[in-house]
Amino acid sequence: MRHLAQVQKQQLSGKLNLRLLAVQEAEYTWAILTEEKVIPPAEVLKSSDAEQLHEGLLVLLELSPTGEIQHIENATNWVLDLIKTYLTSGITPAFLQQETERAEQWRQTLTLQTQELARRSLEVEARREQIQALEESLKREREGEN
């Protein structure tokens, strides 16, 4: 499972551990971890990528189902790609929220319009039936006069 983590240095031992910050739930969906979870130095040192780590570095890491580190990579390019893709074009969480609200308003408006059209269609059908009944009534009257 893919995680975003920050490299931390333990005060007493000076060894590095990884504090998990977020977890990838789907291709474009991440969840912030609310509980602090730390991968201990012993597990960090097992990784072949451990020599590239330094305090404060953000990293992407793959964890096995048993919690073992499978791969660590510097998250700098990933973060820059996120900025380039989403933040340089003005797509912010507030913008996305506004668009979501606007789409919901459109949906509600379309629902109301559909209901109004259905009501009008029923009215037209009822009037058509009334007109047909009147036409037949007139036709019978005319036939009765002849």
N, C-alpha and C. Protein backbone atom coordinates (compact mmCIF):
# COMPACT_ATOMS: atom_id res chain seq x y z
N MET A 1 0.85 -1.17 0.00
CA MET A 1 0.00 0.00 0.00
C MET A 1 0.90 1.24 0.00
N ARG A 2 0.51 2.24 -0.78
CA ARG A 2 1.34 3.45 -0.93
C ARG A 2 1.00 4.46 0.16
N HIS A 3 2.06 5.05 0.74
CA HIS A 3 1.92 6.03 1.81
C HIS A 3 2.80 7.24 1.52
N LEU A 4 2.39 8.37 2.07
CA LEU A 4 3.24 9.56 2.12
C LEU A 4 3.75 9.62 3.56
N ALA A 5 5.04 9.82 3.70
CA ALA A 5 5.62 9.83 5.05
C ALA A 5 6.68 10.92 5.14
N GLN A 6 7.00 11.27 6.38
CA GLN A 6 8.06 12.24 6.64
C GLN A 6 9.14 11.55 7.46
N VAL A 7 10.38 11.79 7.05
CA VAL A 7 11.51 11.22 7.77
C VAL A 7 11.75 12.05 9.03
N GLN A 8 11.87 11.36 10.16
CA GLN A 8 12.14 12.02 11.44
C GLN A 8 13.37 11.39 12.08
N LYS A 9 14.07 12.22 12.83
CA LYS A 9 15.24 11.72 13.55
C LYS A 9 14.87 11.62 15.03
N GLN A 10 15.14 10.47 15.62
CA GLN A 10 14.88 10.30 17.05
C GLN A 10 15.89 11.13 17.83
N GLN A 11 15.40 11.79 18.87
CA GLN A 11 16.25 12.71 19.63
C GLN A 11 17.39 11.99 20.35
N LEU A 12 17.10 10.90 21.01
CA LEU A 12 18.12 10.22 21.81
C LEU A 12 19.10 9.43 20.96
N SER A 13 18.60 8.62 20.07
CA SER A 13 19.49 7.72 19.31
C SER A 13 20.00 8.33 18.01
N GLY A 14 19.29 9.32 17.49
CA GLY A 14 19.69 9.91 16.22
C GLY A 14 19.32 9.05 15.02
N LYS A 15 18.63 7.96 15.27
CA LYS A 15 18.21 7.08 14.18
C LYS A 15 16.96 7.64 13.51
N LEU A 16 16.78 7.24 12.25
CA LEU A 16 15.66 7.75 11.47
C LEU A 16 14.46 6.81 11.54
N ASN A 17 13.29 7.41 11.68
CA ASN A 17 12.05 6.65 11.53
C ASN A 17 11.17 7.38 10.53
N LEU A 18 10.07 6.76 10.16
CA LEU A 18 9.16 7.36 9.19
C LEU A 18 7.80 7.56 9.84
N ARG A 19 7.32 8.80 9.81
CA ARG A 19 5.98 9.10 10.33
C ARG A 19 5.04 9.13 9.14
N LEU A 20 4.08 8.20 9.12
CA LEU A 20 3.12 8.11 8.02
C LEU A 20 2.13 9.27 8.12
N LEU A 21 1.94 9.96 6.99
CA LEU A 21 1.06 11.13 6.94
C LEU A 21 -0.25 10.86 6.22
N ALA A 22 -0.18 10.07 5.15
CA ALA A 22 -1.37 9.82 4.33
C ALA A 22 -1.24 8.46 3.66
N VAL A 23 -2.37 7.92 3.27
CA VAL A 23 -2.40 6.63 2.60
C VAL A 23 -3.22 6.75 1.31
N GLN A 24 -2.76 6.08 0.27
CA GLN A 24 -3.48 6.11 -1.00
C GLN A 24 -4.58 5.06 -0.95
N GLU A 25 -5.82 5.52 -1.18
CA GLU A 25 -6.97 4.61 -1.14
C GLU A 25 -7.37 4.12 -2.53
N ALA A 26 -7.18 4.97 -3.53
CA ALA A 26 -7.46 4.63 -4.93
C ALA A 26 -6.47 5.42 -5.78
N GLU A 27 -6.56 5.30 -7.09
CA GLU A 27 -5.56 5.93 -7.95
C GLU A 27 -5.40 7.43 -7.68
N TYR A 28 -6.51 8.15 -7.51
CA TYR A 28 -6.44 9.59 -7.28
C TYR A 28 -7.05 9.99 -5.94
N THR A 29 -7.11 9.07 -5.01
CA THR A 29 -7.72 9.35 -3.72
C THR A 29 -6.76 9.00 -2.60
N TRP A 30 -6.53 10.00 -1.75
CA TRP A 30 -5.66 9.81 -0.59
C TRP A 30 -6.43 10.20 0.67
N ALA A 31 -6.06 9.60 1.78
CA ALA A 31 -6.68 9.93 3.06
C ALA A 31 -5.57 10.32 4.04
N ILE A 32 -5.79 11.42 4.75
CA ILE A 32 -4.86 11.85 5.78
C ILE A 32 -5.02 10.91 6.98
N LEU A 33 -3.92 10.46 7.51
CA LEU A 33 -3.97 9.59 8.68
C LEU A 33 -4.15 10.44 9.93
N THR A 34 -5.17 10.14 10.68
CA THR A 34 -5.44 10.93 11.89
C THR A 34 -4.67 10.39 13.09
N GLU A 35 -4.44 9.10 13.11
CA GLU A 35 -3.64 8.52 14.20
C GLU A 35 -2.18 8.51 13.77
N GLU A 36 -1.33 8.88 14.72
CA GLU A 36 0.09 8.88 14.37
C GLU A 36 0.60 7.45 14.30
N LYS A 37 1.22 7.15 13.16
CA LYS A 37 1.81 5.83 12.96
C LYS A 37 3.25 6.04 12.51
N VAL A 38 4.17 5.38 13.21
CA VAL A 38 5.59 5.56 12.94
C VAL A 38 6.20 4.21 12.61
N ILE A 39 7.01 4.20 11.56
CA ILE A 39 7.77 3.00 11.22
C ILE A 39 9.11 3.14 11.93
N PRO A 40 9.45 2.17 12.77
CA PRO A 40 10.65 2.29 13.60
C PRO A 40 11.95 2.20 12.80
N PRO A 41 13.05 2.68 13.40
CA PRO A 41 14.35 2.70 12.71
C PRO A 41 14.79 1.33 12.20
N ALA A 42 14.54 0.29 12.95
CA ALA A 42 14.98 -1.04 12.52
C ALA A 42 14.36 -1.39 11.18
N GLU A 43 13.10 -1.07 10.99
CA GLU A 43 12.42 -1.36 9.72
C GLU A 43 12.94 -0.45 8.61
N VAL A 44 13.23 0.80 8.95
CA VAL A 44 13.75 1.75 7.96
C VAL A 44 15.11 1.28 7.46
N LEU A 45 15.95 0.81 8.36
CA LEU A 45 17.30 0.39 7.98
C LEU A 45 17.29 -0.85 7.09
N LYS A 46 16.25 -1.66 7.15
CA LYS A 46 16.16 -2.85 6.30
C LYS A 46 16.00 -2.47 4.84
N SER A 47 15.46 -1.28 4.58
CA SER A 47 15.20 -0.86 3.21
C SER A 47 16.50 -0.54 2.49
N SER A 48 16.56 -0.97 1.23
CA SER A 48 17.76 -0.68 0.43
C SER A 48 17.87 0.79 0.08
N ASP A 49 16.77 1.54 0.22
CA ASP A 49 16.75 2.96 -0.11
C ASP A 49 17.05 3.85 1.10
N ALA A 50 17.40 3.27 2.23
CA ALA A 50 17.55 4.02 3.48
C ALA A 50 18.66 5.08 3.42
N GLU A 51 19.70 4.85 2.61
CA GLU A 51 20.83 5.79 2.59
C GLU A 51 20.45 7.15 2.03
N GLN A 52 19.40 7.26 1.28
CA GLN A 52 18.98 8.54 0.69
C GLN A 52 18.13 9.38 1.63
N LEU A 53 17.82 8.88 2.81
CA LEU A 53 16.91 9.56 3.72
C LEU A 53 17.64 10.56 4.61
N HIS A 54 16.96 11.68 4.88
CA HIS A 54 17.46 12.65 5.86
C HIS A 54 16.27 13.30 6.54
N GLU A 55 16.48 13.87 7.69
CA GLU A 55 15.40 14.42 8.50
C GLU A 55 14.59 15.47 7.73
N GLY A 56 13.27 15.37 7.84
CA GLY A 56 12.37 16.33 7.21
C GLY A 56 11.94 15.97 5.81
N LEU A 57 12.61 15.03 5.17
CA LEU A 57 12.31 14.65 3.80
C LEU A 57 10.93 13.99 3.71
N LEU A 58 10.16 14.39 2.71
CA LEU A 58 8.89 13.71 2.42
C LEU A 58 9.18 12.59 1.44
N VAL A 59 8.63 11.42 1.72
CA VAL A 59 8.87 10.25 0.87
C VAL A 59 7.56 9.54 0.57
N LEU A 60 7.56 8.87 -0.55
CA LEU A 60 6.48 7.93 -0.88
C LEU A 60 7.03 6.54 -0.62
N LEU A 61 6.24 5.73 0.05
CA LEU A 61 6.72 4.39 0.30
C LEU A 61 5.64 3.36 0.07
N GLU A 62 6.08 2.20 -0.36
CA GLU A 62 5.20 1.06 -0.54
C GLU A 62 5.39 0.15 0.66
N LEU A 63 4.27 -0.17 1.31
CA LEU A 63 4.30 -1.09 2.44
C LEU A 63 3.62 -2.39 2.03
N SER A 64 4.20 -3.50 2.45
CA SER A 64 3.56 -4.79 2.22
C SER A 64 2.38 -4.94 3.16
N PRO A 65 1.53 -5.92 2.94
CA PRO A 65 0.41 -6.13 3.86
C PRO A 65 0.86 -6.39 5.31
N THR A 66 2.09 -6.87 5.48
CA THR A 66 2.60 -7.11 6.83
C THR A 66 3.29 -5.88 7.42
N GLY A 67 3.34 -4.78 6.64
CA GLY A 67 3.93 -3.54 7.15
C GLY A 67 5.41 -3.37 6.86
N GLU A 68 5.98 -4.24 6.05
CA GLU A 68 7.39 -4.12 5.70
C GLU A 68 7.55 -3.13 4.55
N ILE A 69 8.63 -2.37 4.58
CA ILE A 69 8.90 -1.40 3.51
C ILE A 69 9.37 -2.14 2.27
N GLN A 70 8.67 -1.93 1.17
CA GLN A 70 9.07 -2.56 -0.09
C GLN A 70 9.86 -1.60 -0.96
N HIS A 71 9.51 -0.31 -0.89
CA HIS A 71 10.19 0.69 -1.73
C HIS A 71 10.00 2.07 -1.12
N ILE A 72 11.06 2.88 -1.17
CA ILE A 72 10.99 4.28 -0.71
C ILE A 72 11.48 5.15 -1.85
N GLU A 73 10.78 6.27 -2.10
CA GLU A 73 11.27 7.24 -3.08
C GLU A 73 11.01 8.65 -2.58
N ASN A 74 11.86 9.55 -2.97
CA ASN A 74 11.72 10.95 -2.64
C ASN A 74 10.41 11.47 -3.24
N ALA A 75 9.62 12.20 -2.47
CA ALA A 75 8.31 12.67 -2.93
C ALA A 75 8.36 14.03 -3.60
N THR A 76 9.53 14.61 -3.77
CA THR A 76 9.64 15.96 -4.34
C THR A 76 8.98 16.06 -5.71
N ASN A 77 9.34 15.16 -6.63
CA ASN A 77 8.77 15.22 -7.98
C ASN A 77 7.27 14.98 -7.96
N TRP A 78 6.82 14.10 -7.09
CA TRP A 78 5.39 13.81 -6.96
C TRP A 78 4.64 15.06 -6.49
N VAL A 79 5.18 15.76 -5.49
CA VAL A 79 4.55 16.98 -4.97
C VAL A 79 4.56 18.07 -6.05
N LEU A 80 5.67 18.21 -6.75
CA LEU A 80 5.73 19.21 -7.83
C LEU A 80 4.74 18.90 -8.94
N ASP A 81 4.56 17.62 -9.25
CA ASP A 81 3.57 17.23 -10.25
C ASP A 81 2.16 17.58 -9.79
N LEU A 82 1.86 17.38 -8.51
CA LEU A 82 0.56 17.76 -7.97
C LEU A 82 0.34 19.26 -8.10
N ILE A 83 1.35 20.03 -7.78
CA ILE A 83 1.25 21.48 -7.89
C ILE A 83 1.01 21.89 -9.33
N LYS A 84 1.79 21.31 -10.24
CA LYS A 84 1.66 21.64 -11.66
C LYS A 84 0.27 21.25 -12.18
N THR A 85 -0.21 20.09 -11.80
CA THR A 85 -1.47 19.58 -12.31
C THR A 85 -2.67 20.31 -11.74
N TYR A 86 -2.66 20.57 -10.43
CA TYR A 86 -3.87 21.07 -9.78
C TYR A 86 -3.80 22.52 -9.32
N LEU A 87 -2.67 22.97 -8.89
CA LEU A 87 -2.63 24.28 -8.26
C LEU A 87 -2.24 25.42 -9.18
N THR A 88 -1.57 25.13 -10.29
CA THR A 88 -1.22 26.21 -11.20
C THR A 88 -2.41 26.64 -12.06
N SER A 89 -3.43 25.81 -12.15
CA SER A 89 -4.61 26.16 -12.95
C SER A 89 -5.73 26.71 -12.09
N GLY A 90 -5.48 26.92 -10.81
CA GLY A 90 -6.48 27.52 -9.94
C GLY A 90 -7.47 26.53 -9.35
N ILE A 91 -7.20 25.24 -9.51
CA ILE A 91 -8.09 24.24 -8.92
C ILE A 91 -7.70 24.07 -7.46
N THR A 92 -8.51 24.66 -6.60
CA THR A 92 -8.27 24.58 -5.17
C THR A 92 -9.42 23.81 -4.53
N PRO A 93 -9.25 23.38 -3.30
CA PRO A 93 -10.37 22.71 -2.63
C PRO A 93 -11.63 23.58 -2.58
N ALA A 94 -11.45 24.89 -2.38
CA ALA A 94 -12.61 25.79 -2.36
C ALA A 94 -13.28 25.84 -3.73
N PHE A 95 -12.48 25.88 -4.80
CA PHE A 95 -13.01 25.88 -6.15
C PHE A 95 -13.79 24.59 -6.42
N LEU A 96 -13.21 23.45 -6.02
CA LEU A 96 -13.88 22.17 -6.22
C LEU A 96 -15.19 22.12 -5.43
N GLN A 97 -15.20 22.67 -4.23
CA GLN A 97 -16.42 22.71 -3.42
C GLN A 97 -17.48 23.55 -4.10
N GLN A 98 -17.07 24.71 -4.63
CA GLN A 98 -18.02 25.58 -5.34
C GLN A 98 -18.59 24.87 -6.57
N GLU A 99 -17.75 24.17 -7.30
CA GLU A 99 -18.20 23.45 -8.49
C GLU A 99 -19.15 22.33 -8.11
N THR A 100 -18.88 21.66 -7.01
CA THR A 100 -19.76 20.59 -6.52
C THR A 100 -21.12 21.17 -6.16
N GLU A 101 -21.11 22.30 -5.45
CA GLU A 101 -22.37 22.95 -5.08
C GLU A 101 -23.13 23.42 -6.32
N ARG A 102 -22.41 23.96 -7.28
CA ARG A 102 -23.05 24.43 -8.51
C ARG A 102 -23.66 23.26 -9.29
N ALA A 103 -22.94 22.16 -9.35
CA ALA A 103 -23.47 20.98 -10.04
C ALA A 103 -24.72 20.46 -9.33
N GLU A 104 -24.72 20.50 -8.00
CA GLU A 104 -25.89 20.06 -7.24
C GLU A 104 -27.08 20.98 -7.50
N GLN A 105 -26.82 22.29 -7.58
CA GLN A 105 -27.90 23.24 -7.90
C GLN A 105 -28.46 22.98 -9.29
N TRP A 106 -27.58 22.70 -10.25
CA TRP A 106 -28.03 22.38 -11.60
C TRP A 106 -28.89 21.12 -11.59
N ARG A 107 -28.45 20.13 -10.83
CA ARG A 107 -29.20 18.87 -10.75
C ARG A 107 -30.59 19.12 -10.19
N GLN A 108 -30.65 19.93 -9.13
CA GLN A 108 -31.95 20.24 -8.53
C GLN A 108 -32.83 21.03 -9.49
N THR A 109 -32.24 21.99 -10.19
CA THR A 109 -32.98 22.78 -11.18
C THR A 109 -33.51 21.88 -12.29
N LEU A 110 -32.67 20.98 -12.79
CA LEU A 110 -33.11 20.08 -13.84
C LEU A 110 -34.22 19.14 -13.35
N THR A 111 -34.13 18.71 -12.11
CA THR A 111 -35.19 17.87 -11.54
C THR A 111 -36.51 18.63 -11.49
N LEU A 112 -36.44 19.89 -11.02
CA LEU A 112 -37.66 20.71 -10.98
C LEU A 112 -38.22 20.95 -12.37
N GLN A 113 -37.36 21.22 -13.32
CA GLN A 113 -37.81 21.45 -14.69
C GLN A 113 -38.45 20.18 -15.27
N THR A 114 -37.85 19.04 -14.98
CA THR A 114 -38.41 17.78 -15.46
C THR A 114 -39.78 17.54 -14.85
N GLN A 115 -39.91 17.82 -13.57
CA GLN A 115 -41.22 17.66 -12.91
C GLN A 115 -42.25 18.62 -13.52
N GLU A 116 -41.84 19.85 -13.78
CA GLU A 116 -42.75 20.84 -14.38
C GLU A 116 -43.17 20.39 -15.78
N LEU A 117 -42.23 19.89 -16.57
CA LEU A 117 -42.56 19.40 -17.91
C LEU A 117 -43.52 18.21 -17.84
N ALA A 118 -43.30 17.33 -16.90
CA ALA A 118 -44.19 16.18 -16.74
C ALA A 118 -45.60 16.65 -16.36
N ARG A 119 -45.69 17.64 -15.47
CA ARG A 119 -46.99 18.19 -15.06
C ARG A 119 -47.70 18.82 -16.26
N ARG A 120 -46.95 19.61 -17.04
CA ARG A 120 -47.54 20.26 -18.21
C ARG A 120 -47.99 19.22 -19.24
N SER A 121 -47.21 18.20 -19.40
CA SER A 121 -47.56 17.14 -20.35
C SER A 121 -48.87 16.48 -19.93
N LEU A 122 -49.04 16.25 -18.64
CA LEU A 122 -50.30 15.67 -18.15
C LEU A 122 -51.46 16.63 -18.38
N GLU A 123 -51.23 17.92 -18.15
CA GLU A 123 -52.28 18.92 -18.40
C GLU A 123 -52.67 18.94 -19.87
N VAL A 124 -51.68 18.91 -20.77
CA VAL A 124 -51.96 18.94 -22.21
C VAL A 124 -52.75 17.69 -22.59
N GLU A 125 -52.35 16.55 -22.06
CA GLU A 125 -53.06 15.31 -22.37
C GLU A 125 -54.50 15.38 -21.87
N ALA A 126 -54.71 15.93 -20.67
CA ALA A 126 -56.07 16.05 -20.13
C ALA A 126 -56.89 17.00 -21.00
N ARG A 127 -56.32 18.10 -21.44
CA ARG A 127 -57.03 19.05 -22.31
C ARG A 127 -57.34 18.41 -23.67
N ARG A 128 -56.40 17.64 -24.18
CA ARG A 128 -56.63 16.96 -25.45
C ARG A 128 -57.82 16.00 -25.33
N GLU A 129 -57.87 15.29 -24.22
CA GLU A 129 -59.00 14.38 -24.00
C GLU A 129 -60.31 15.16 -23.89
N GLN A 130 -60.27 16.33 -23.23
CA GLN A 130 -61.47 17.17 -23.13
C GLN A 130 -61.92 17.64 -24.51
N ILE A 131 -60.95 18.06 -25.31
CA ILE A 131 -61.26 18.54 -26.67
C ILE A 131 -61.85 17.40 -27.50
N GLN A 132 -61.28 16.22 -27.40
CA GLN A 132 -61.80 15.08 -28.15
C GLN A 132 -63.24 14.76 -27.70
N ALA A 133 -63.46 14.84 -26.38
CA ALA A 133 -64.81 14.57 -25.87
C ALA A 133 -65.78 15.62 -26.39
N LEU A 134 -65.36 16.90 -26.40
CA LEU A 134 -66.22 17.96 -26.93
C LEU A 134 -66.48 17.77 -28.42
N GLU A 135 -65.44 17.40 -29.19
CA GLU A 135 -65.61 17.17 -30.62
C GLU A 135 -66.61 16.05 -30.87
N GLU A 136 -66.49 14.98 -30.10
CA GLU A 136 -67.42 13.88 -30.28
C GLU A 136 -68.83 14.30 -29.87
N SER A 137 -68.94 15.10 -28.82
CA SER A 137 -70.25 15.59 -28.38
C SER A 137 -70.87 16.46 -29.47
N LEU A 138 -70.07 17.36 -30.06
CA LEU A 138 -70.55 18.22 -31.15
C LEU A 138 -70.94 17.37 -32.36
N LYS A 139 -70.16 16.38 -32.66
CA LYS A 139 -70.43 15.51 -33.78
C LYS A 139 -71.77 14.80 -33.58
N ARG A 140 -72.03 14.32 -32.38
CA ARG A 140 -73.30 13.64 -32.08
C ARG A 140 -74.45 14.63 -32.16
N GLU A 141 -74.24 15.84 -31.67
CA GLU A 141 -75.30 16.85 -31.74
C GLU A 141 -75.63 17.15 -33.19
N ARG A 142 -74.62 17.33 -34.02
CA ARG A 142 -74.84 17.63 -35.43
C ARG A 142 -75.54 16.45 -36.14
N GLU A 143 -75.14 15.26 -35.79
CA GLU A 143 -75.78 14.09 -36.38
C GLU A 143 -77.23 13.99 -35.91
N GLY A 144 -77.47 14.41 -34.65
CA GLY A 144 -78.83 14.37 -34.10
C GLY A 144 -79.71 15.42 -34.74
N GLU A 145 -79.15 16.55 -35.17
CA GLU A 145 -79.92 17.61 -35.82
C GLU A 145 -80.28 17.23 -37.24
N ASN A 146 -79.47 16.43 -37.86
CA ASN A 146 -79.73 16.07 -39.26
C ASN A 146 -80.69 14.98 -39.32
